[in-house]
C-alpha atoms as a PDB file:
ATOM      1  CA  MET A   1     -14.806  -9.215  12.767  1.00  0.00           C
ATOM      2  CA  ARG A   2     -13.162 -12.156  10.726  1.00  0.00           C
ATOM      3  CA  ASP A   3     -15.754 -12.920   8.248  1.00  0.00           C
ATOM      4  CA  SER A   4     -14.334 -13.010   4.982  1.00  0.00           C
ATOM      5  CA  VAL A   5     -17.034 -11.121   3.138  1.00  0.00           C
ATOM      6  CA  TYR A   6     -17.087  -8.064   5.634  1.00  0.00           C
ATOM      7  CA  ARG A   7     -16.736  -5.072   3.472  1.00  0.00           C
ATOM      8  CA  ILE A   8     -16.666  -1.242   3.991  1.00  0.00           C
ATOM      9  CA  ASN A   9     -17.372   0.543   0.782  1.00  0.00           C
ATOM     10  CA  MET A  10     -15.492   3.573   0.841  1.00  0.00           C
ATOM     11  CA  ASN A  11     -17.251   5.175  -1.791  1.00  0.00           C
ATOM     12  CA  THR A  12     -20.463   5.374   0.408  1.00  0.00           C
ATOM     13  CA  ILE A  13     -19.016   7.013   3.267  1.00  0.00           C
ATOM     14  CA  SER A  14     -18.416  10.737   4.397  1.00  0.00           C
ATOM     15  CA  PHE A  15     -15.555  12.507   3.871  1.00  0.00           C
ATOM     16  CA  LYS A  16     -15.462  13.094   7.564  1.00  0.00           C
ATOM     17  CA  ALA A  17     -15.553   9.120   8.227  1.00  0.00           C
ATOM     18  CA  PHE A  18     -12.937   8.684   5.361  1.00  0.00           C
ATOM     19  CA  CYS A  19     -10.616  11.236   7.207  1.00  0.00           C
ATOM     20  CA  GLY A  20     -11.308   9.316  10.269  1.00  0.00           C
ATOM     21  CA  LEU A  21     -10.158   6.261   9.005  1.00  0.00           C
ATOM     22  CA  GLN A  22      -7.379   7.277   7.026  1.00  0.00           C
ATOM     23  CA  GLU A  23      -6.129   9.137  10.286  1.00  0.00           C
ATOM     24  CA  LEU A  24      -6.421   6.134  12.305  1.00  0.00           C
ATOM     25  CA  ASP A  25      -4.818   4.260   9.459  1.00  0.00           C
ATOM     26  CA  LYS A  26      -1.500   6.239   9.542  1.00  0.00           C
ATOM     27  CA  SER A  27      -1.356   5.190  12.992  1.00  0.00           C
ATOM     28  CA  PHE A  28      -0.727   1.586  11.741  1.00  0.00           C
ATOM     29  CA  ILE A  29       1.516   1.969   9.385  1.00  0.00           C
ATOM     30  CA  GLY A  30       4.495  -0.449  10.027  1.00  0.00           C
ATOM     31  CA  SER A  31       2.356  -2.530  12.234  1.00  0.00           C
ATOM     32  CA  PRO A  32       0.076  -5.755  10.993  1.00  0.00           C
ATOM     33  CA  GLU A  33      -2.701  -3.636  12.156  1.00  0.00           C
ATOM     34  CA  TYR A  34      -2.409  -1.569   8.981  1.00  0.00           C
ATOM     35  CA  LEU A  35      -5.836  -1.282   6.719  1.00  0.00           C
ATOM     36  CA  GLY A  36      -4.669  -0.357   3.565  1.00  0.00           C
ATOM     37  CA  ILE A  37      -6.212   3.278   3.473  1.00  0.00           C
ATOM     38  CA  ALA A  38      -3.355   5.683   4.353  1.00  0.00           C
ATOM     39  CA  TYR A  39      -0.368   6.268   2.307  1.00  0.00           C
ATOM     40  CA  PHE A  40       2.780   4.272   3.230  1.00  0.00           C
ATOM     41  CA  TRP A  41       5.016   4.642   0.594  1.00  0.00           C
ATOM     42  CA  GLY A  42       8.122   7.422   0.281  1.00  0.00           C
ATOM     43  CA  SER A  43       7.692  10.373  -2.156  1.00  0.00           C
ATOM     44  CA  ASN A  44       9.013   8.244  -4.928  1.00  0.00           C
ATOM     45  CA  GLY A  45       8.497   6.183  -8.308  1.00  0.00           C
ATOM     46  CA  CYS A  46       6.437   3.565  -5.901  1.00  0.00           C
ATOM     47  CA  LYS A  47       3.733   6.208  -5.528  1.00  0.00           C
ATOM     48  CA  HIS A  48       2.628   6.180  -9.358  1.00  0.00           C
ATOM     49  CA  TYR A  49       1.846   2.640  -8.625  1.00  0.00           C
ATOM     50  CA  LEU A  50       0.213   2.361  -5.096  1.00  0.00           C
ATOM     51  CA  ARG A  51      -2.073   5.237  -5.162  1.00  0.00           C
ATOM     52  CA  GLU A  52      -4.643   3.853  -7.213  1.00  0.00           C
ATOM     53  CA  ALA A  53      -4.064   0.475  -5.954  1.00  0.00           C
ATOM     54  CA  SER A  54      -6.928  -1.122  -4.244  1.00  0.00           C
ATOM     55  CA  VAL A  55      -7.110  -1.188  -0.495  1.00  0.00           C
ATOM     56  CA  ALA A  56      -6.424  -4.940  -0.321  1.00  0.00           C
ATOM     57  CA  HIS A  57      -3.140  -4.798  -2.568  1.00  0.00           C
ATOM     58  CA  ARG A  58      -1.964  -1.662  -0.961  1.00  0.00           C
ATOM     59  CA  ARG A  59      -2.247  -3.667   2.521  1.00  0.00           C
ATOM     60  CA  ARG A  60      -0.622  -6.830   0.627  1.00  0.00           C
ATOM     61  CA  VAL A  61       2.426  -4.805  -0.260  1.00  0.00           C
ATOM     62  CA  HIS A  62       3.009  -3.114   2.724  1.00  0.00           C
ATOM     63  CA  ASP A  63       3.172  -6.250   4.685  1.00  0.00           C
ATOM     64  CA  LEU A  64       5.178  -7.759   1.865  1.00  0.00           C
ATOM     65  CA  TRP A  65       7.765  -5.230   2.384  1.00  0.00           C
ATOM     66  CA  ILE A  66       7.665  -5.345   5.702  1.00  0.00           C
ATOM     67  CA  LYS A  67       8.260  -9.305   6.158  1.00  0.00           C
ATOM     68  CA  ALA A  68      10.755  -8.382   3.137  1.00  0.00           C
ATOM     69  CA  GLY A  69      12.788  -5.743   5.877  1.00  0.00           C
ATOM     70  CA  LEU A  70      12.641  -3.125   3.227  1.00  0.00           C
ATOM     71  CA  ASP A  71      12.125   0.357   4.197  1.00  0.00           C
ATOM     72  CA  LEU A  72       8.511   1.361   3.735  1.00  0.00           C
ATOM     73  CA  ALA A  73       9.722   4.828   2.364  1.00  0.00           C
ATOM     74  CA  GLY A  74      12.054   3.219  -0.292  1.00  0.00           C
ATOM     75  CA  GLU A  75      12.413   2.866  -3.765  1.00  0.00           C
ATOM     76  CA  THR A  76      14.664  -0.496  -4.928  1.00  0.00           C
ATOM     77  CA  LEU A  77      14.081  -3.237  -7.532  1.00  0.00           C
ATOM     78  CA  GLU A  78      12.794  -5.716  -4.671  1.00  0.00           C
ATOM     79  CA  HIS A  79      10.150  -2.786  -3.966  1.00  0.00           C
ATOM     80  CA  TYR A  80       8.934  -2.928  -7.477  1.00  0.00           C
ATOM     81  CA  LYS A  81       9.092  -6.320  -7.829  1.00  0.00           C
ATOM     82  CA  ILE A  82       6.497  -6.951  -4.874  1.00  0.00           C
ATOM     83  CA  ILE A  83       4.407  -4.304  -6.275  1.00  0.00           C
ATOM     84  CA  GLN A  84       4.545  -6.474  -9.347  1.00  0.00           C
ATOM     85  CA  GLN A  85       3.669  -9.513  -7.876  1.00  0.00           C
ATOM     86  CA  VAL A  86       0.892  -8.054  -6.199  1.00  0.00           C
ATOM     87  CA  THR A  87      -0.749  -5.630  -8.659  1.00  0.00           C
ATOM     88  CA  LYS A  88       0.126  -7.571 -11.659  1.00  0.00           C
ATOM     89  CA  LEU A  89       1.050  -4.101 -13.224  1.00  0.00           C
ATOM     90  CA  ALA A  90       4.523  -3.542 -15.590  1.00  0.00           C
ATOM     91  CA  VAL A  91       7.066  -1.912 -13.346  1.00  0.00           C
ATOM     92  CA  PRO A  92      10.467  -0.999 -13.422  1.00  0.00           C
ATOM     93  CA  THR A  93      12.961  -4.011 -13.621  1.00  0.00           C
ATOM     94  CA  THR A  94      16.357  -2.593 -14.203  1.00  0.00           C
ATOM     95  CA  ARG A  95      18.500   0.153 -12.109  1.00  0.00           C
ATOM     96  CA  GLU A  96      18.540   2.172 -15.456  1.00  0.00           C
ATOM     97  CA  GLU A  97      14.739   2.236 -15.515  1.00  0.00           C
ATOM     98  CA  LEU A  98      15.125   3.678 -11.601  1.00  0.00           C
ATOM     99  CA  GLN A  99      16.934   6.601 -12.697  1.00  0.00           C
END
């Protein structure tokens, strides 16, 4: 499927289907096949920006973190810079704000 308008409405699938997709997507974390459904970030401040991000934004952040050589469970200013670039949200910009 390479149709640029193909979409799965996650609000209309069953809970069982969602859980199946989420489990599959967990196996894709760290690879180009990541779909943007499963949580890939660590238990740190990044989660506050990525939990509510769209599937497309999650996938873009994931791919950019990998391209930048960042640890997917990490939390640095570079992680936040990419989150801001993709989501346009206000994020920490100094080391003091990360504390």
